[in-house]
Amino acid sequence: MAQHIGIGIGAGLVSALLFGVLLKATPLAILLYLVAPLPILIVGLGWSHRAALAAAATGSLALVLVVAPFMGLAFGAYIALPAWWLAYLTLLGRETPNGLEWYPTGRLLGWTAATAALAFIAIAVLSSPNHAAFDAQLRGLAQTLVQTRMPAPRTTAEARRTDAAPAEKEGGDPDTAAGPDSAPKAESDPSDVTRAEMADALARVVPAFAANGLALLLTFYLWASARIVKISGRLPRPWPDIPSTAMPRTTLATLAAAILMCFAPGYVGVFGIALVGALSAAFALQGLAAFHDRSRGRPGRGLMLFGMYLILFVTQGIALVALTVFGLADTALDRRRPKDNPAP
């Protein structure tokens, strides 16, 4: 046990180092930051969840003491604790008359989405305890993105000032040259109104996109770390049949509750939006698994899978919307689960 804790401490320091290099703001630093959860997941899956918890505590404490308290708290809430929790759930099992039953991959997928939403709301509260300040930050980010994609055209007042500039250079009275009706008038440009509305809408859904991406990343991290531990021979549970992954129908009730939470004020509404985005990623992944599962044994399966992944790549993930709908239908109908093996 002491040896496991020692390994966990080392993994926590490595993970904290990978997270801390983000301050360098270089492409390599960002790449290293993206793999920061892997050491904690690997030690949690290969040794024990206690070793992963020791890694989380050690990494957070190291960043608090060496860098800044905020960095340590952010590392713990956004990287370390989610990695420990997923490793703990992965190795969770119970004794049954037929032997040890491991935690179902469908429930694990649902918890991955919930963990992503919780991690996002935790880092949001840490960065801006005041919701009004957080909302202002989101709106500023959204306005910057909208202005970058849709540059504002020259307004009427700016055009008049530009046209009046040559008259001023010729020595004439700018008021006379421009005319008595040249005073700038406040006009409401329809394009400005459209950009403002788009910025407001984008600011509203930013938490959903952020949690969606984090849920996909956490799922990939869990799969990659489990593969690494499996290759090393230290993974205690047998490798599951991933295409048969199916979330329980209660996940649909969670999604409905999250949609209702979206209308709540403050961080409760932000959490609801983030949870909807994270669950959308989980349903998309289940749709992907269902496609793999239902295509087994069919002629031309390889070509079908290649075409699906090609569409995902070409559309830059937009086709995930169709997979999300497929995953929702698969969860609601629950036809892939054997009748004698109800949802645990």
Protein backbone atom coordinates (compact mmCIF):
# COMPACT_ATOMS: atom_id res chain seq x y z
CA MET A 1 0.00 0.00 0.00
CA ALA A 2 2.80 2.44 0.89
CA GLN A 3 4.45 1.67 -2.44
CA HIS A 4 1.21 2.48 -4.25
CA ILE A 5 0.96 5.81 -2.43
CA GLY A 6 4.55 6.61 -3.40
CA ILE A 7 3.78 5.90 -7.04
CA GLY A 8 0.70 8.08 -6.75
CA ILE A 9 2.76 10.97 -5.35
CA GLY A 10 5.13 10.73 -8.29
CA ALA A 11 2.26 10.63 -10.78
CA GLY A 12 0.70 13.67 -9.13
CA LEU A 13 3.91 15.67 -9.46
CA VAL A 14 4.22 14.71 -13.13
CA SER A 15 0.61 15.67 -13.80
CA ALA A 16 1.04 18.99 -11.96
CA LEU A 17 4.14 19.74 -14.04
CA LEU A 18 2.26 19.04 -17.27
CA PHE A 19 -0.54 21.33 -16.09
CA GLY A 20 1.80 24.08 -14.91
CA VAL A 21 3.63 24.45 -18.22
CA LEU A 22 0.41 25.96 -19.58
CA LEU A 23 1.70 29.26 -18.21
CA LYS A 24 4.32 29.25 -20.98
CA ALA A 25 1.49 29.65 -23.54
CA THR A 26 3.41 27.87 -26.31
CA PRO A 27 2.06 25.17 -28.64
CA LEU A 28 4.21 22.55 -26.89
CA ALA A 29 2.97 23.72 -23.50
CA ILE A 30 -0.64 23.39 -24.64
CA LEU A 31 0.06 19.89 -25.96
CA LEU A 32 1.62 18.85 -22.65
CA TYR A 33 -1.29 20.37 -20.75
CA LEU A 34 -3.74 18.26 -22.74
CA VAL A 35 -2.17 15.03 -21.45
CA ALA A 36 -2.04 16.17 -17.81
CA PRO A 37 -4.85 13.81 -16.63
CA LEU A 38 -3.16 10.69 -18.01
CA PRO A 39 -0.65 10.07 -15.16
CA ILE A 40 -3.43 10.15 -12.55
CA LEU A 41 -5.69 7.90 -14.61
CA ILE A 42 -2.88 5.44 -15.30
CA VAL A 43 -1.90 5.15 -11.64
CA GLY A 44 -5.56 4.88 -10.64
CA LEU A 45 -6.30 2.08 -13.10
CA GLY A 46 -2.99 0.25 -12.74
CA TRP A 47 -2.52 0.45 -8.98
CA SER A 48 -5.50 1.71 -6.98
CA HIS A 49 -7.88 4.61 -6.65
CA ARG A 50 -6.11 5.52 -3.40
CA ALA A 51 -2.91 6.04 -5.36
CA ALA A 52 -4.85 8.27 -7.77
CA LEU A 53 -6.28 10.23 -4.85
CA ALA A 54 -2.76 10.67 -3.47
CA ALA A 55 -1.68 11.89 -6.90
CA ALA A 56 -4.52 14.41 -6.99
CA ALA A 57 -3.72 15.76 -3.53
CA THR A 58 0.04 15.90 -4.17
CA GLY A 59 -0.27 17.69 -7.50
CA SER A 60 -2.73 20.24 -6.15
CA LEU A 61 -0.60 20.96 -3.08
CA ALA A 62 2.55 21.32 -5.17
CA LEU A 63 0.93 23.91 -7.43
CA VAL A 64 -0.50 25.79 -4.44
CA LEU A 65 2.93 26.05 -2.81
CA VAL A 66 5.11 26.57 -5.90
CA VAL A 67 2.96 28.50 -8.38
CA ALA A 68 -0.23 30.01 -6.94
CA PRO A 69 -3.20 28.89 -4.84
CA PHE A 70 -5.56 29.38 -7.78
CA MET A 71 -3.48 27.08 -9.99
CA GLY A 72 -3.59 24.35 -7.37
CA LEU A 73 -7.34 24.64 -6.91
CA ALA A 74 -7.91 24.75 -10.67
CA PHE A 75 -5.75 21.66 -11.16
CA GLY A 76 -7.62 19.78 -8.46
CA ALA A 77 -11.10 20.71 -9.65
CA TYR A 78 -10.57 20.48 -13.41
CA ILE A 79 -7.92 17.78 -13.84
CA ALA A 80 -7.06 15.74 -10.76
CA LEU A 81 -10.38 14.98 -9.06
CA PRO A 82 -12.21 14.11 -12.32
CA ALA A 83 -9.38 11.71 -13.24
CA TRP A 84 -9.45 10.08 -9.80
CA TRP A 85 -13.24 9.76 -9.84
CA LEU A 86 -13.35 8.11 -13.27
CA ALA A 87 -10.56 5.70 -12.31
CA TYR A 88 -12.48 4.82 -9.14
CA LEU A 89 -15.71 4.13 -11.04
CA THR A 90 -13.91 2.07 -13.69
CA LEU A 91 -12.58 -0.37 -11.09
CA LEU A 92 -15.82 -0.50 -9.11
CA GLY A 93 -17.34 -3.97 -8.92
CA ARG A 94 -19.69 -6.13 -6.89
CA GLU A 95 -19.92 -9.81 -6.12
CA THR A 96 -22.74 -11.73 -7.80
CA PRO A 97 -23.60 -15.45 -7.96
CA ASN A 98 -21.99 -15.47 -11.42
CA GLY A 99 -18.79 -13.82 -10.22
CA LEU A 100 -17.53 -10.26 -10.03
CA GLU A 101 -19.66 -7.77 -11.95
CA TRP A 102 -17.81 -4.64 -13.04
CA TYR A 103 -19.31 -1.18 -13.28
CA PRO A 104 -21.24 -1.00 -16.58
CA THR A 105 -19.66 1.04 -19.35
CA GLY A 106 -22.99 2.73 -20.04
CA ARG A 107 -23.20 4.15 -16.54
CA LEU A 108 -19.52 5.04 -16.74
CA LEU A 109 -20.21 7.04 -19.91
CA GLY A 110 -23.03 8.90 -18.19
CA TRP A 111 -20.83 9.71 -15.21
CA THR A 112 -18.11 10.94 -17.55
CA ALA A 113 -20.55 13.51 -18.92
CA ALA A 114 -21.68 14.55 -15.44
CA THR A 115 -18.05 14.84 -14.32
CA ALA A 116 -17.26 17.10 -17.27
CA ALA A 117 -20.15 19.42 -16.39
CA LEU A 118 -19.15 19.51 -12.72
CA ALA A 119 -15.52 20.22 -13.62
CA PHE A 120 -16.55 23.11 -15.86
CA ILE A 121 -18.80 24.71 -13.25
CA ALA A 122 -16.08 24.26 -10.62
CA ILE A 123 -13.47 26.09 -12.68
CA ALA A 124 -16.04 28.77 -13.56
CA VAL A 125 -16.83 29.45 -9.89
CA LEU A 126 -13.13 29.46 -9.00
CA SER A 127 -12.30 31.95 -11.73
CA SER A 128 -15.32 34.21 -11.12
CA PRO A 129 -17.21 33.68 -7.85
CA ASN A 130 -19.54 36.48 -8.94
CA HIS A 131 -21.84 35.19 -11.67
CA ALA A 132 -22.26 38.68 -13.14
CA ALA A 133 -18.50 38.90 -13.71
CA PHE A 134 -18.47 35.44 -15.27
CA ASP A 135 -21.35 36.39 -17.57
CA ALA A 136 -19.51 39.57 -18.59
CA GLN A 137 -16.42 37.50 -19.45
CA LEU A 138 -18.48 35.16 -21.61
CA ARG A 139 -20.13 38.07 -23.41
CA GLY A 140 -16.77 39.71 -24.05
CA LEU A 141 -15.40 36.47 -25.47
CA ALA A 142 -18.49 35.99 -27.63
CA GLN A 143 -18.35 39.56 -28.94
CA THR A 144 -14.69 39.11 -29.87
CA LEU A 145 -15.47 35.91 -31.77
CA VAL A 146 -18.43 37.48 -33.58
CA GLN A 147 -16.47 40.59 -34.54
CA THR A 148 -13.66 38.41 -35.86
CA ARG A 149 -16.01 36.38 -38.03
CA MET A 150 -18.30 39.31 -38.97
CA PRO A 151 -16.31 42.57 -39.13
CA ALA A 152 -18.44 45.66 -38.61
CA PRO A 153 -18.98 47.74 -41.80
CA ARG A 154 -18.23 51.47 -41.86
CA THR A 155 -21.07 53.38 -40.25
CA THR A 156 -22.82 56.41 -41.83
CA ALA A 157 -21.26 58.82 -39.34
CA GLU A 158 -17.78 57.49 -40.11
CA ALA A 159 -18.44 57.90 -43.84
CA ARG A 160 -19.48 61.52 -43.35
CA ARG A 161 -16.39 62.27 -41.30
CA THR A 162 -14.18 60.67 -43.94
CA ASP A 163 -15.83 62.67 -46.72
CA ALA A 164 -15.49 65.89 -44.73
CA ALA A 165 -11.74 65.43 -44.19
CA PRO A 166 -10.69 66.71 -47.68
CA ALA A 167 -12.78 69.86 -47.17
CA GLU A 168 -10.96 70.58 -43.92
CA LYS A 169 -7.57 70.19 -45.63
CA GLU A 170 -8.57 72.79 -48.27
CA GLY A 171 -8.96 75.38 -45.50
CA GLY A 172 -12.71 75.59 -45.49
CA ASP A 173 -14.84 75.69 -42.39
CA PRO A 174 -15.64 72.07 -41.57
CA ASP A 175 -19.10 73.06 -40.35
CA THR A 176 -19.79 74.99 -43.59
CA ALA A 177 -18.28 72.34 -45.81
CA ALA A 178 -20.24 69.57 -44.24
CA GLY A 179 -23.48 71.50 -44.21
CA PRO A 180 -25.89 72.31 -41.42
CA ASP A 181 -27.32 68.82 -41.36
CA SER A 182 -23.95 67.07 -41.00
CA ALA A 183 -24.12 66.50 -37.24
CA PRO A 184 -23.76 62.77 -36.56
CA LYS A 185 -27.02 61.17 -35.68
CA ALA A 186 -27.32 58.04 -33.63
CA GLU A 187 -28.54 55.40 -36.01
CA SER A 188 -29.32 51.80 -35.22
CA ASP A 189 -27.44 49.70 -37.74
CA PRO A 190 -29.30 46.40 -38.35
CA SER A 191 -25.98 44.59 -38.73
CA ASP A 192 -24.87 45.84 -35.30
CA VAL A 193 -28.10 44.55 -33.78
CA THR A 194 -27.59 41.19 -35.48
CA ARG A 195 -24.03 40.90 -34.19
CA ALA A 196 -25.13 41.80 -30.67
CA GLU A 197 -27.87 39.16 -30.76
CA MET A 198 -25.43 36.56 -32.07
CA ALA A 199 -22.93 37.43 -29.35
CA ASP A 200 -25.59 37.07 -26.66
CA ALA A 201 -26.70 33.71 -28.04
CA LEU A 202 -23.12 32.49 -28.31
CA ALA A 203 -22.34 33.58 -24.76
CA ARG A 204 -25.34 31.60 -23.60
CA VAL A 205 -24.19 28.31 -25.17
CA VAL A 206 -20.44 28.59 -24.51
CA PRO A 207 -20.74 26.40 -21.36
CA ALA A 208 -22.45 23.70 -23.43
CA PHE A 209 -19.67 23.65 -26.03
CA ALA A 210 -16.96 23.69 -23.36
CA ALA A 211 -18.50 20.82 -21.39
CA ASN A 212 -19.16 18.91 -24.61
CA GLY A 213 -15.51 19.07 -25.58
CA LEU A 214 -14.38 18.18 -22.06
CA ALA A 215 -16.66 15.14 -21.98
CA LEU A 216 -15.17 13.90 -25.25
CA LEU A 217 -11.65 14.49 -23.93
CA LEU A 218 -12.32 12.71 -20.63
CA THR A 219 -13.72 9.73 -22.51
CA PHE A 220 -10.64 9.60 -24.71
CA TYR A 221 -8.33 9.96 -21.70
CA LEU A 222 -10.07 7.09 -19.93
CA TRP A 223 -9.88 4.85 -23.00
CA ALA A 224 -6.22 5.70 -23.71
CA SER A 225 -5.07 5.23 -20.12
CA ALA A 226 -6.96 1.94 -19.85
CA ARG A 227 -5.28 0.76 -23.05
CA ILE A 228 -1.86 1.68 -21.69
CA VAL A 229 -2.52 -0.13 -18.42
CA LYS A 230 -3.98 -3.10 -20.31
CA ILE A 231 -0.81 -3.41 -22.40
CA SER A 232 1.28 -3.35 -19.24
CA GLY A 233 -0.81 -6.18 -17.80
CA ARG A 234 -1.94 -4.26 -14.71
CA LEU A 235 -5.60 -3.63 -15.60
CA PRO A 236 -7.62 -5.67 -13.08
CA ARG A 237 -10.92 -5.73 -14.98
CA PRO A 238 -11.31 -7.49 -18.32
CA TRP A 239 -11.54 -5.28 -21.37
CA PRO A 240 -15.24 -4.49 -21.94
CA ASP A 241 -17.20 -4.81 -25.15
CA ILE A 242 -17.28 -1.08 -25.91
CA PRO A 243 -19.69 -1.27 -28.90
CA SER A 244 -22.35 -2.72 -26.59
CA THR A 245 -22.20 0.38 -24.35
CA ALA A 246 -25.72 1.57 -23.53
CA MET A 247 -26.63 4.21 -20.97
CA PRO A 248 -29.69 3.52 -18.80
CA ARG A 249 -32.97 5.27 -19.56
CA THR A 250 -32.60 7.31 -16.38
CA THR A 251 -30.04 9.35 -18.32
CA LEU A 252 -32.95 10.77 -20.32
CA ALA A 253 -34.51 11.99 -17.07
CA THR A 254 -31.19 13.61 -16.18
CA LEU A 255 -31.17 15.34 -19.56
CA ALA A 256 -34.72 16.62 -19.01
CA ALA A 257 -33.75 17.96 -15.58
CA ALA A 258 -30.69 19.66 -17.10
CA ILE A 259 -32.87 21.35 -19.73
CA LEU A 260 -35.13 22.71 -16.99
CA MET A 261 -32.10 23.94 -15.06
CA CYS A 262 -31.03 25.97 -18.09
CA PHE A 263 -33.77 28.48 -17.30
CA ALA A 264 -32.61 29.01 -13.72
CA PRO A 265 -30.62 32.15 -12.87
CA GLY A 266 -26.98 32.28 -11.84
CA TYR A 267 -24.61 29.35 -11.83
CA VAL A 268 -27.49 26.88 -11.56
CA GLY A 269 -28.50 27.79 -15.10
CA VAL A 270 -24.88 27.65 -16.26
CA PHE A 271 -24.56 24.14 -14.81
CA GLY A 272 -27.74 23.07 -16.60
CA ILE A 273 -26.39 24.33 -19.93
CA ALA A 274 -23.04 22.62 -19.32
CA LEU A 275 -24.77 19.36 -18.39
CA VAL A 276 -26.85 19.45 -21.57
CA GLY A 277 -23.68 19.90 -23.62
CA ALA A 278 -21.83 17.12 -21.80
CA LEU A 279 -24.75 14.70 -22.12
CA SER A 280 -24.97 15.53 -25.82
CA ALA A 281 -21.39 14.30 -26.17
CA ALA A 282 -22.26 11.12 -24.24
CA PHE A 283 -25.27 10.42 -26.46
CA ALA A 284 -23.14 11.03 -29.56
CA LEU A 285 -20.61 8.49 -28.31
CA GLN A 286 -23.38 6.01 -27.59
CA GLY A 287 -24.69 6.58 -31.10
CA LEU A 288 -21.20 5.80 -32.39
CA ALA A 289 -21.06 2.65 -30.28
CA ALA A 290 -24.52 1.60 -31.47
CA PHE A 291 -23.45 2.03 -35.09
CA HIS A 292 -20.46 -0.26 -34.43
CA ASP A 293 -22.68 -2.74 -32.61
CA ARG A 294 -25.48 -2.91 -35.17
CA SER A 295 -23.07 -3.20 -38.09
CA ARG A 296 -21.34 -6.28 -36.68
CA GLY A 297 -21.60 -9.25 -39.02
CA ARG A 298 -22.93 -7.18 -41.91
CA PRO A 299 -21.23 -7.29 -45.32
CA GLY A 300 -19.24 -4.17 -46.08
CA ARG A 301 -18.97 -3.21 -42.41
CA GLY A 302 -15.46 -1.84 -42.84
CA LEU A 303 -16.57 0.38 -45.71
CA MET A 304 -19.53 1.67 -43.69
CA LEU A 305 -17.35 2.52 -40.71
CA PHE A 306 -14.79 4.20 -42.94
CA GLY A 307 -17.50 6.30 -44.56
CA MET A 308 -18.92 7.33 -41.20
CA TYR A 309 -15.57 8.43 -39.80
CA LEU A 310 -14.77 10.20 -43.07
CA ILE A 311 -18.00 12.18 -42.78
CA LEU A 312 -17.16 13.06 -39.18
CA PHE A 313 -13.74 14.31 -40.28
CA VAL A 314 -14.95 16.26 -43.31
CA THR A 315 -17.80 17.95 -41.44
CA GLN A 316 -15.45 18.75 -38.52
CA GLY A 317 -17.74 17.08 -36.02
CA ILE A 318 -21.02 18.54 -37.27
CA ALA A 319 -22.19 15.01 -38.04
CA LEU A 320 -22.03 14.37 -34.29
CA VAL A 321 -25.49 15.95 -34.18
CA ALA A 322 -26.88 12.99 -36.12
CA LEU A 323 -25.04 10.58 -33.84
CA THR A 324 -26.48 12.39 -30.83
CA VAL A 325 -30.01 11.85 -32.14
CA PHE A 326 -29.15 8.21 -32.85
CA GLY A 327 -27.82 7.83 -29.30
CA LEU A 328 -30.95 9.40 -27.82
CA ALA A 329 -33.16 7.02 -29.79
CA ASP A 330 -30.97 4.06 -28.85
CA THR A 331 -31.25 4.95 -25.16
CA ALA A 332 -35.01 5.52 -25.31
CA LEU A 333 -35.79 2.31 -27.22
CA ASP A 334 -33.21 0.19 -25.34
CA ARG A 335 -33.41 -2.58 -27.93
CA ARG A 336 -29.76 -3.61 -27.92
CA ARG A 337 -29.81 -4.80 -24.30
CA PRO A 338 -30.80 -8.45 -23.86
CA LYS A 339 -34.21 -8.87 -22.23
CA ASP A 340 -32.75 -11.14 -19.56
CA ASN A 341 -30.09 -8.54 -18.71
CA PRO A 342 -31.94 -5.39 -17.61
CA ALA A 343 -30.13 -2.15 -16.95
CA PRO A 344 -28.26 -2.43 -13.64
